[in-house]
Amino acid sequence: MNCNMMKRLTSIAALAVVMTVGTTAVAADWGTIKGKFVFKGDVKPEKIVPNKDTEYCSKHELVDESVVVGDGGELSNVFVYLNPGRGKKLDVHPDIKPAAEPRILDNKGCRFEPHAMTVWTADKFEIRNSDDGIGHNTNASMLFANPKFNEQVTNGAPIMKQFTKSESYPSKVACNVHPWMNAYVLIRDNPYMAVSAADGSFEIANIPAGKHDFAFWHEAKGNLKDLKVGKDKADRKGQLEIDVPAGKTVDLGVIEITPALLGK
């Protein structure tokens, strides 16, 4: 083997090592946050008595969903989302892809299902009506960054939407036919957001490593001002800076929410 060939092989081997190290470093430059919301108070969901399509809607056990709490105080429907600030773009982990199927908001049982949800602008959004023989409309007049709409939705013709811009806060969606029906939809141009589940838990994975502002929001109050998260408190906008280390999961633990914090 001549000298030139040896140098070439040495260079290729060195490049392979650099690429391997670089790939490992990039793969580690992402982190996760998680936590659990618990409501420290008593909630008695108010029963809803339908005043429209009463024969059909009265078959369903309808209650006010503004504060949904489990038997152990687990608080559902708290929005947590990374807020990079106006004009700032976030890197998105290569494993996070737009959903193959649309994100679905359904009119089902004379209520919206789910009551609270997130939509990434890379995903399609579909509104369905699963209440056979019952007419619904979807009033999204609370949108600001995206076009408002107020449309009828029938059993056989879902409404399809594609959003392009981030909304600063979750937007209320209502049905004018059945005035007790409402839901909240958070539309963002990045996938780093979550809604607490029935057990109060949430998790946002594969976040770019570094310090980020995260917003905490609940429909009963809006911005969760002064929410205590660990040793820190959210500001007046319900935002808190959280350091997300590369390759780590930041467990925020149990986050207690009092009735006063929700204006109750």
C-alpha atoms as a PDB file:
ATOM      1  CA  MET A   1       0.000   0.000   0.000  1.00  0.00           C
ATOM      2  CA  ASN A   2       1.514   3.320  -1.060  1.00  0.00           C
ATOM      3  CA  CYS A   3       1.790   6.392   1.122  1.00  0.00           C
ATOM      4  CA  ASN A   4      -1.066   8.299  -0.565  1.00  0.00           C
ATOM      5  CA  MET A   5      -3.476   5.393  -0.111  1.00  0.00           C
ATOM      6  CA  MET A   6      -2.534   5.136   3.574  1.00  0.00           C
ATOM      7  CA  LYS A   7      -3.206   8.851   4.118  1.00  0.00           C
ATOM      8  CA  ARG A   8      -6.579   8.565   2.387  1.00  0.00           C
ATOM      9  CA  LEU A   9      -7.676   5.625   4.548  1.00  0.00           C
ATOM     10  CA  THR A  10      -6.499   7.439   7.669  1.00  0.00           C
ATOM     11  CA  SER A  11      -8.526  10.527   6.705  1.00  0.00           C
ATOM     12  CA  ILE A  12     -11.652   8.434   6.053  1.00  0.00           C
ATOM     13  CA  ALA A  13     -11.304   6.714   9.440  1.00  0.00           C
ATOM     14  CA  ALA A  14     -10.869  10.042  11.197  1.00  0.00           C
ATOM     15  CA  LEU A  15     -13.945  11.445   9.432  1.00  0.00           C
ATOM     16  CA  ALA A  16     -15.973   8.414  10.492  1.00  0.00           C
ATOM     17  CA  VAL A  17     -15.008   8.990  14.127  1.00  0.00           C
ATOM     18  CA  VAL A  18     -15.955  12.668  13.904  1.00  0.00           C
ATOM     19  CA  MET A  19     -19.323  11.815  12.315  1.00  0.00           C
ATOM     20  CA  THR A  20     -20.037   9.213  14.990  1.00  0.00           C
ATOM     21  CA  VAL A  21     -19.209  11.623  17.811  1.00  0.00           C
ATOM     22  CA  GLY A  22     -21.237  14.371  16.128  1.00  0.00           C
ATOM     23  CA  THR A  23     -24.261  12.106  15.733  1.00  0.00           C
ATOM     24  CA  THR A  24     -24.079  11.081  19.389  1.00  0.00           C
ATOM     25  CA  ALA A  25     -23.846  14.703  20.495  1.00  0.00           C
ATOM     26  CA  VAL A  26     -26.808  15.748  18.375  1.00  0.00           C
ATOM     27  CA  ALA A  27     -28.884  12.826  19.655  1.00  0.00           C
ATOM     28  CA  ALA A  28     -28.215  13.932  23.238  1.00  0.00           C
ATOM     29  CA  ASP A  29     -29.186  17.572  22.682  1.00  0.00           C
ATOM     30  CA  TRP A  30     -32.791  16.983  23.613  1.00  0.00           C
ATOM     31  CA  GLY A  31     -34.567  16.669  26.915  1.00  0.00           C
ATOM     32  CA  THR A  32     -37.971  16.040  28.491  1.00  0.00           C
ATOM     33  CA  ILE A  33     -40.131  17.658  31.150  1.00  0.00           C
ATOM     34  CA  LYS A  34     -42.964  16.017  33.035  1.00  0.00           C
ATOM     35  CA  GLY A  35     -45.112  16.549  36.087  1.00  0.00           C
ATOM     36  CA  LYS A  36     -48.513  16.059  37.665  1.00  0.00           C
ATOM     37  CA  PHE A  37     -51.217  18.571  38.625  1.00  0.00           C
ATOM     38  CA  VAL A  38     -53.254  18.072  41.782  1.00  0.00           C
ATOM     39  CA  PHE A  39     -56.169  20.275  42.851  1.00  0.00           C
ATOM     40  CA  LYS A  40     -56.153  21.096  46.571  1.00  0.00           C
ATOM     41  CA  GLY A  41     -59.845  21.666  47.085  1.00  0.00           C
ATOM     42  CA  ASP A  42     -63.332  20.274  46.605  1.00  0.00           C
ATOM     43  CA  VAL A  43     -65.142  20.318  43.277  1.00  0.00           C
ATOM     44  CA  LYS A  44     -68.773  19.452  42.725  1.00  0.00           C
ATOM     45  CA  PRO A  45     -69.395  19.407  38.973  1.00  0.00           C
ATOM     46  CA  GLU A  46     -72.641  21.173  38.196  1.00  0.00           C
ATOM     47  CA  LYS A  47     -75.114  19.041  36.287  1.00  0.00           C
ATOM     48  CA  ILE A  48     -76.188  20.426  32.921  1.00  0.00           C
ATOM     49  CA  VAL A  49     -79.869  20.270  32.008  1.00  0.00           C
ATOM     50  CA  PRO A  50     -80.150  20.439  28.197  1.00  0.00           C
ATOM     51  CA  ASN A  51     -82.580  22.984  26.771  1.00  0.00           C
ATOM     52  CA  LYS A  52     -82.108  21.951  23.128  1.00  0.00           C
ATOM     53  CA  ASP A  53     -82.588  18.516  21.545  1.00  0.00           C
ATOM     54  CA  THR A  54     -83.611  17.483  25.031  1.00  0.00           C
ATOM     55  CA  GLU A  55     -84.780  13.966  24.186  1.00  0.00           C
ATOM     56  CA  TYR A  56     -81.391  13.035  22.728  1.00  0.00           C
ATOM     57  CA  CYS A  57     -79.056  15.092  24.907  1.00  0.00           C
ATOM     58  CA  SER A  58     -80.756  14.121  28.174  1.00  0.00           C
ATOM     59  CA  LYS A  59     -79.624  10.540  27.595  1.00  0.00           C
ATOM     60  CA  HIS A  60     -76.082  11.643  28.368  1.00  0.00           C
ATOM     61  CA  GLU A  61     -74.735  12.591  31.780  1.00  0.00           C
ATOM     62  CA  LEU A  62     -73.674  16.160  31.073  1.00  0.00           C
ATOM     63  CA  VAL A  63     -71.769  18.194  33.651  1.00  0.00           C
ATOM     64  CA  ASP A  64     -69.824  21.436  33.678  1.00  0.00           C
ATOM     65  CA  GLU A  65     -66.233  20.653  32.662  1.00  0.00           C
ATOM     66  CA  SER A  66     -64.520  23.901  33.610  1.00  0.00           C
ATOM     67  CA  VAL A  67     -62.661  22.098  36.432  1.00  0.00           C
ATOM     68  CA  VAL A  68     -62.280  18.327  36.054  1.00  0.00           C
ATOM     69  CA  VAL A  69     -60.802  16.561  39.066  1.00  0.00           C
ATOM     70  CA  GLY A  70     -60.246  12.861  39.734  1.00  0.00           C
ATOM     71  CA  ASP A  71     -61.007  11.005  42.961  1.00  0.00           C
ATOM     72  CA  GLY A  72     -57.507  11.726  44.243  1.00  0.00           C
ATOM     73  CA  GLY A  73     -57.502  15.379  43.226  1.00  0.00           C
ATOM     74  CA  GLU A  74     -55.889  14.785  39.842  1.00  0.00           C
ATOM     75  CA  LEU A  75     -56.492  17.890  37.705  1.00  0.00           C
ATOM     76  CA  SER A  76     -57.169  17.422  34.003  1.00  0.00           C
ATOM     77  CA  ASN A  77     -56.993  19.915  31.145  1.00  0.00           C
ATOM     78  CA  VAL A  78     -54.097  22.088  32.285  1.00  0.00           C
ATOM     79  CA  PHE A  79     -52.174  23.346  29.258  1.00  0.00           C
ATOM     80  CA  VAL A  80     -48.369  23.399  29.389  1.00  0.00           C
ATOM     81  CA  TYR A  81     -46.471  24.697  26.386  1.00  0.00           C
ATOM     82  CA  LEU A  82     -43.081  26.014  25.395  1.00  0.00           C
ATOM     83  CA  ASN A  83     -43.279  29.687  24.486  1.00  0.00           C
ATOM     84  CA  PRO A  84     -40.127  30.752  22.599  1.00  0.00           C
ATOM     85  CA  GLY A  85     -41.281  34.323  22.107  1.00  0.00           C
ATOM     86  CA  ARG A  86     -42.370  36.258  19.057  1.00  0.00           C
ATOM     87  CA  GLY A  87     -40.401  35.502  15.901  1.00  0.00           C
ATOM     88  CA  LYS A  88     -38.214  32.803  17.462  1.00  0.00           C
ATOM     89  CA  LYS A  89     -38.147  29.383  15.828  1.00  0.00           C
ATOM     90  CA  LEU A  90     -37.440  26.084  17.533  1.00  0.00           C
ATOM     91  CA  ASP A  91     -35.583  23.089  16.242  1.00  0.00           C
ATOM     92  CA  VAL A  92     -37.864  20.056  16.096  1.00  0.00           C
ATOM     93  CA  HIS A  93     -36.515  16.632  16.969  1.00  0.00           C
ATOM     94  CA  PRO A  94     -36.165  14.505  13.801  1.00  0.00           C
ATOM     95  CA  ASP A  95     -38.342  11.768  15.307  1.00  0.00           C
ATOM     96  CA  ILE A  96     -41.299  14.142  15.672  1.00  0.00           C
ATOM     97  CA  LYS A  97     -43.344  13.993  12.497  1.00  0.00           C
ATOM     98  CA  PRO A  98     -46.759  15.372  11.525  1.00  0.00           C
ATOM     99  CA  ALA A  99     -49.520  12.906  12.423  1.00  0.00           C
ATOM    100  CA  ALA A 100     -50.619  10.548   9.658  1.00  0.00           C
ATOM    101  CA  GLU A 101     -54.256  11.185  10.585  1.00  0.00           C
ATOM    102  CA  PRO A 102     -55.924  14.521  11.421  1.00  0.00           C
ATOM    103  CA  ARG A 103     -56.278  15.725  14.974  1.00  0.00           C
ATOM    104  CA  ILE A 104     -59.976  15.266  15.742  1.00  0.00           C
ATOM    105  CA  LEU A 105     -62.443  17.356  17.722  1.00  0.00           C
ATOM    106  CA  ASP A 106     -65.712  15.461  17.879  1.00  0.00           C
ATOM    107  CA  ASN A 107     -69.270  16.535  18.723  1.00  0.00           C
ATOM    108  CA  LYS A 108     -70.267  13.438  20.666  1.00  0.00           C
ATOM    109  CA  GLY A 109     -72.913  12.951  23.327  1.00  0.00           C
ATOM    110  CA  CYS A 110     -73.861  16.642  23.139  1.00  0.00           C
ATOM    111  CA  ARG A 111     -70.379  17.686  24.247  1.00  0.00           C
ATOM    112  CA  PHE A 112     -67.005  18.211  22.618  1.00  0.00           C
ATOM    113  CA  GLU A 113     -64.536  15.341  22.792  1.00  0.00           C
ATOM    114  CA  PRO A 114     -61.866  16.018  23.879  1.00  0.00           C
ATOM    115  CA  HIS A 115     -62.639  19.001  26.057  1.00  0.00           C
ATOM    116  CA  ALA A 116     -59.060  20.282  25.787  1.00  0.00           C
ATOM    117  CA  MET A 117     -56.543  19.507  23.046  1.00  0.00           C
ATOM    118  CA  THR A 118     -53.441  20.702  21.212  1.00  0.00           C
ATOM    119  CA  VAL A 119     -52.880  21.077  17.472  1.00  0.00           C
ATOM    120  CA  TRP A 120     -49.483  21.502  15.816  1.00  0.00           C
ATOM    121  CA  THR A 121     -49.691  23.581  12.628  1.00  0.00           C
ATOM    122  CA  ALA A 122     -47.972  20.720  10.783  1.00  0.00           C
ATOM    123  CA  ASP A 123     -51.029  18.552  11.507  1.00  0.00           C
ATOM    124  CA  LYS A 124     -54.439  18.621   9.878  1.00  0.00           C
ATOM    125  CA  PHE A 125     -57.472  19.374  12.054  1.00  0.00           C
ATOM    126  CA  GLU A 126     -60.867  17.732  11.630  1.00  0.00           C
ATOM    127  CA  ILE A 127     -64.163  18.487  13.361  1.00  0.00           C
ATOM    128  CA  ARG A 128     -66.718  15.668  13.372  1.00  0.00           C
ATOM    129  CA  ASN A 129     -70.326  15.210  14.393  1.00  0.00           C
ATOM    130  CA  SER A 130     -70.939  11.753  15.852  1.00  0.00           C
ATOM    131  CA  ASP A 131     -74.395  12.611  17.222  1.00  0.00           C
ATOM    132  CA  ASP A 132     -76.691  10.854  14.768  1.00  0.00           C
ATOM    133  CA  GLY A 133     -79.525  13.110  13.626  1.00  0.00           C
ATOM    134  CA  ILE A 134     -78.415  16.060  15.766  1.00  0.00           C
ATOM    135  CA  GLY A 135     -77.079  19.232  14.176  1.00  0.00           C
ATOM    136  CA  HIS A 136     -74.064  21.053  15.597  1.00  0.00           C
ATOM    137  CA  ASN A 137     -72.054  24.096  14.634  1.00  0.00           C
ATOM    138  CA  THR A 138     -68.473  24.910  15.545  1.00  0.00           C
ATOM    139  CA  ASN A 139     -67.859  28.522  16.472  1.00  0.00           C
ATOM    140  CA  ALA A 140     -64.152  29.354  16.562  1.00  0.00           C
ATOM    141  CA  SER A 141     -64.531  33.124  16.701  1.00  0.00           C
ATOM    142  CA  MET A 142     -61.939  33.375  19.486  1.00  0.00           C
ATOM    143  CA  LEU A 143     -59.033  32.685  17.125  1.00  0.00           C
ATOM    144  CA  PHE A 144     -56.715  35.651  16.608  1.00  0.00           C
ATOM    145  CA  ALA A 145     -53.708  34.579  14.530  1.00  0.00           C
ATOM    146  CA  ASN A 146     -55.671  32.190  12.312  1.00  0.00           C
ATOM    147  CA  PRO A 147     -58.888  32.869  10.360  1.00  0.00           C
ATOM    148  CA  LYS A 148     -62.015  32.680  12.508  1.00  0.00           C
ATOM    149  CA  PHE A 149     -64.813  30.343  11.445  1.00  0.00           C
ATOM    150  CA  ASN A 150     -68.339  29.386  12.452  1.00  0.00           C
ATOM    151  CA  GLU A 151     -69.618  26.434  10.449  1.00  0.00           C
ATOM    152  CA  GLN A 152     -72.279  23.765  10.576  1.00  0.00           C
ATOM    153  CA  VAL A 153     -70.982  20.228  10.945  1.00  0.00           C
ATOM    154  CA  THR A 154     -73.164  17.332   9.824  1.00  0.00           C
ATOM    155  CA  ASN A 155     -72.821  13.607  10.383  1.00  0.00           C
ATOM    156  CA  GLY A 156     -71.491  12.943   6.897  1.00  0.00           C
ATOM    157  CA  ALA A 157     -69.427  16.073   6.250  1.00  0.00           C
ATOM    158  CA  PRO A 158     -66.599  16.828   8.721  1.00  0.00           C
ATOM    159  CA  ILE A 159     -64.978  20.262   8.761  1.00  0.00           C
ATOM    160  CA  MET A 160     -61.329  20.158   7.691  1.00  0.00           C
ATOM    161  CA  LYS A 161     -58.878  22.898   8.672  1.00  0.00           C
ATOM    162  CA  GLN A 162     -55.162  23.573   8.333  1.00  0.00           C
ATOM    163  CA  PHE A 163     -53.773  26.231  10.647  1.00  0.00           C
ATOM    164  CA  THR A 164     -50.593  28.160   9.857  1.00  0.00           C
ATOM    165  CA  LYS A 165     -49.827  30.349  12.873  1.00  0.00           C
ATOM    166  CA  SER A 166     -49.411  30.026  16.620  1.00  0.00           C
ATOM    167  CA  GLU A 167     -52.169  31.230  18.907  1.00  0.00           C
ATOM    168  CA  SER A 168     -50.821  32.843  22.062  1.00  0.00           C
ATOM    169  CA  TYR A 169     -53.343  31.019  24.259  1.00  0.00           C
ATOM    170  CA  PRO A 170     -55.804  28.127  24.010  1.00  0.00           C
ATOM    171  CA  SER A 171     -58.865  29.236  22.028  1.00  0.00           C
ATOM    172  CA  LYS A 172     -62.428  28.565  23.095  1.00  0.00           C
ATOM    173  CA  VAL A 173     -64.606  26.646  20.646  1.00  0.00           C
ATOM    174  CA  ALA A 174     -68.387  26.644  21.136  1.00  0.00           C
ATOM    175  CA  CYS A 175     -71.584  25.223  19.694  1.00  0.00           C
ATOM    176  CA  ASN A 176     -74.272  27.901  19.349  1.00  0.00           C
ATOM    177  CA  VAL A 177     -76.965  25.260  18.865  1.00  0.00           C
ATOM    178  CA  HIS A 178     -76.209  23.798  22.304  1.00  0.00           C
ATOM    179  CA  PRO A 179     -74.919  26.686  24.425  1.00  0.00           C
ATOM    180  CA  TRP A 180     -73.474  24.501  27.201  1.00  0.00           C
ATOM    181  CA  MET A 181     -70.995  22.925  24.775  1.00  0.00           C
ATOM    182  CA  ASN A 182     -67.452  24.268  24.694  1.00  0.00           C
ATOM    183  CA  ALA A 183     -63.873  23.090  24.292  1.00  0.00           C
ATOM    184  CA  TYR A 184     -60.379  24.609  24.238  1.00  0.00           C
ATOM    185  CA  VAL A 185     -57.855  24.138  21.457  1.00  0.00           C
ATOM    186  CA  LEU A 186     -54.229  25.279  21.601  1.00  0.00           C
ATOM    187  CA  ILE A 187     -52.699  25.862  18.165  1.00  0.00           C
ATOM    188  CA  ARG A 188     -48.914  26.244  17.989  1.00  0.00           C
ATOM    189  CA  ASP A 189     -46.257  26.201  15.280  1.00  0.00           C
ATOM    190  CA  ASN A 190     -44.131  23.782  17.308  1.00  0.00           C
ATOM    191  CA  PRO A 191     -45.044  20.414  18.875  1.00  0.00           C
ATOM    192  CA  TYR A 192     -43.813  21.193  22.390  1.00  0.00           C
ATOM    193  CA  MET A 193     -47.073  21.312  24.303  1.00  0.00           C
ATOM    194  CA  ALA A 194     -49.286  19.072  26.399  1.00  0.00           C
ATOM    195  CA  VAL A 195     -52.603  18.873  28.254  1.00  0.00           C
ATOM    196  CA  SER A 196     -52.745  17.145  31.616  1.00  0.00           C
ATOM    197  CA  ALA A 197     -54.500  13.785  31.429  1.00  0.00           C
ATOM    198  CA  ALA A 198     -57.187  12.302  33.676  1.00  0.00           C
ATOM    199  CA  ASP A 199     -54.492  11.342  36.195  1.00  0.00           C
ATOM    200  CA  GLY A 200     -53.168  14.922  36.199  1.00  0.00           C
ATOM    201  CA  SER A 201     -49.931  13.972  34.457  1.00  0.00           C
ATOM    202  CA  PHE A 202     -48.238  15.578  31.473  1.00  0.00           C
ATOM    203  CA  GLU A 203     -45.028  15.059  29.555  1.00  0.00           C
ATOM    204  CA  ILE A 204     -43.305  16.965  26.753  1.00  0.00           C
ATOM    205  CA  ALA A 205     -40.490  14.968  25.173  1.00  0.00           C
ATOM    206  CA  ASN A 206     -37.580  15.672  22.823  1.00  0.00           C
ATOM    207  CA  ILE A 207     -37.349  19.384  23.633  1.00  0.00           C
ATOM    208  CA  PRO A 208     -34.254  21.238  22.405  1.00  0.00           C
ATOM    209  CA  ALA A 209     -31.832  21.356  25.321  1.00  0.00           C
ATOM    210  CA  GLY A 210     -31.466  24.711  27.045  1.00  0.00           C
ATOM    211  CA  LYS A 211     -33.452  27.244  29.038  1.00  0.00           C
ATOM    212  CA  HIS A 212     -36.987  27.841  27.790  1.00  0.00           C
ATOM    213  CA  ASP A 213     -40.064  29.718  28.954  1.00  0.00           C
ATOM    214  CA  PHE A 214     -43.026  27.425  29.529  1.00  0.00           C
ATOM    215  CA  ALA A 215     -46.593  28.699  29.885  1.00  0.00           C
ATOM    216  CA  PHE A 216     -49.162  27.212  32.279  1.00  0.00           C
ATOM    217  CA  TRP A 217     -52.832  27.862  31.474  1.00  0.00           C
ATOM    218  CA  HIS A 218     -56.240  26.622  32.602  1.00  0.00           C
ATOM    219  CA  GLU A 219     -59.658  27.652  31.309  1.00  0.00           C
ATOM    220  CA  ALA A 220     -61.006  28.544  34.751  1.00  0.00           C
ATOM    221  CA  LYS A 221     -58.431  31.310  35.182  1.00  0.00           C
ATOM    222  CA  GLY A 222     -56.350  31.643  32.045  1.00  0.00           C
ATOM    223  CA  ASN A 223     -52.675  32.329  32.814  1.00  0.00           C
ATOM    224  CA  LEU A 224     -51.752  30.543  36.040  1.00  0.00           C
ATOM    225  CA  LYS A 225     -50.085  33.529  37.672  1.00  0.00           C
ATOM    226  CA  ASP A 226     -47.929  32.713  40.727  1.00  0.00           C
ATOM    227  CA  LEU A 227     -48.221  28.967  40.163  1.00  0.00           C
ATOM    228  CA  LYS A 228     -45.581  27.333  42.337  1.00  0.00           C
ATOM    229  CA  VAL A 229     -43.496  24.784  40.467  1.00  0.00           C
ATOM    230  CA  GLY A 230     -40.841  23.309  42.721  1.00  0.00           C
ATOM    231  CA  LYS A 231     -38.984  26.236  44.295  1.00  0.00           C
ATOM    232  CA  ASP A 232     -40.025  28.703  41.607  1.00  0.00           C
ATOM    233  CA  LYS A 233     -43.175  30.609  40.692  1.00  0.00           C
ATOM    234  CA  ALA A 234     -44.712  31.458  37.343  1.00  0.00           C
ATOM    235  CA  ASP A 235     -44.837  35.140  36.455  1.00  0.00           C
ATOM    236  CA  ARG A 236     -47.949  37.245  35.784  1.00  0.00           C
ATOM    237  CA  LYS A 237     -48.267  35.641  32.344  1.00  0.00           C
ATOM    238  CA  GLY A 238     -48.217  32.172  33.863  1.00  0.00           C
ATOM    239  CA  GLN A 239     -44.731  31.586  32.475  1.00  0.00           C
ATOM    240  CA  LEU A 240     -41.701  30.005  34.067  1.00  0.00           C
ATOM    241  CA  GLU A 241     -38.173  29.476  32.764  1.00  0.00           C
ATOM    242  CA  ILE A 242     -37.123  25.832  32.945  1.00  0.00           C
ATOM    243  CA  ASP A 243     -33.666  24.501  32.169  1.00  0.00           C
ATOM    244  CA  VAL A 244     -33.896  21.339  30.058  1.00  0.00           C
ATOM    245  CA  PRO A 245     -30.535  19.510  30.160  1.00  0.00           C
ATOM    246  CA  ALA A 246     -29.458  17.412  27.191  1.00  0.00           C
ATOM    247  CA  GLY A 247     -30.350  13.750  27.546  1.00  0.00           C
ATOM    248  CA  LYS A 248     -32.225  14.319  30.818  1.00  0.00           C
ATOM    249  CA  THR A 249     -35.815  14.247  32.047  1.00  0.00           C
ATOM    250  CA  VAL A 250     -36.803  17.112  34.317  1.00  0.00           C
ATOM    251  CA  ASP A 251     -39.475  15.857  36.715  1.00  0.00           C
ATOM    252  CA  LEU A 252     -41.358  18.858  38.062  1.00  0.00           C
ATOM    253  CA  GLY A 253     -43.096  16.571  40.540  1.00  0.00           C
ATOM    254  CA  VAL A 254     -46.545  17.226  41.957  1.00  0.00           C
ATOM    255  CA  ILE A 255     -47.753  20.738  41.144  1.00  0.00           C
ATOM    256  CA  GLU A 256     -50.489  21.799  43.546  1.00  0.00           C
ATOM    257  CA  ILE A 257     -53.245  24.098  42.343  1.00  0.00           C
ATOM    258  CA  THR A 258     -55.516  25.763  44.878  1.00  0.00           C
ATOM    259  CA  PRO A 259     -59.086  26.997  44.319  1.00  0.00           C
ATOM    260  CA  ALA A 260     -57.805  30.580  44.710  1.00  0.00           C
ATOM    261  CA  LEU A 261     -55.339  30.051  41.879  1.00  0.00           C
ATOM    262  CA  LEU A 262     -58.258  29.127  39.624  1.00  0.00           C
ATOM    263  CA  GLY A 263     -60.436  31.933  40.931  1.00  0.00           C
ATOM    264  CA  LYS A 264     -62.719  29.563  42.803  1.00  0.00           C
END
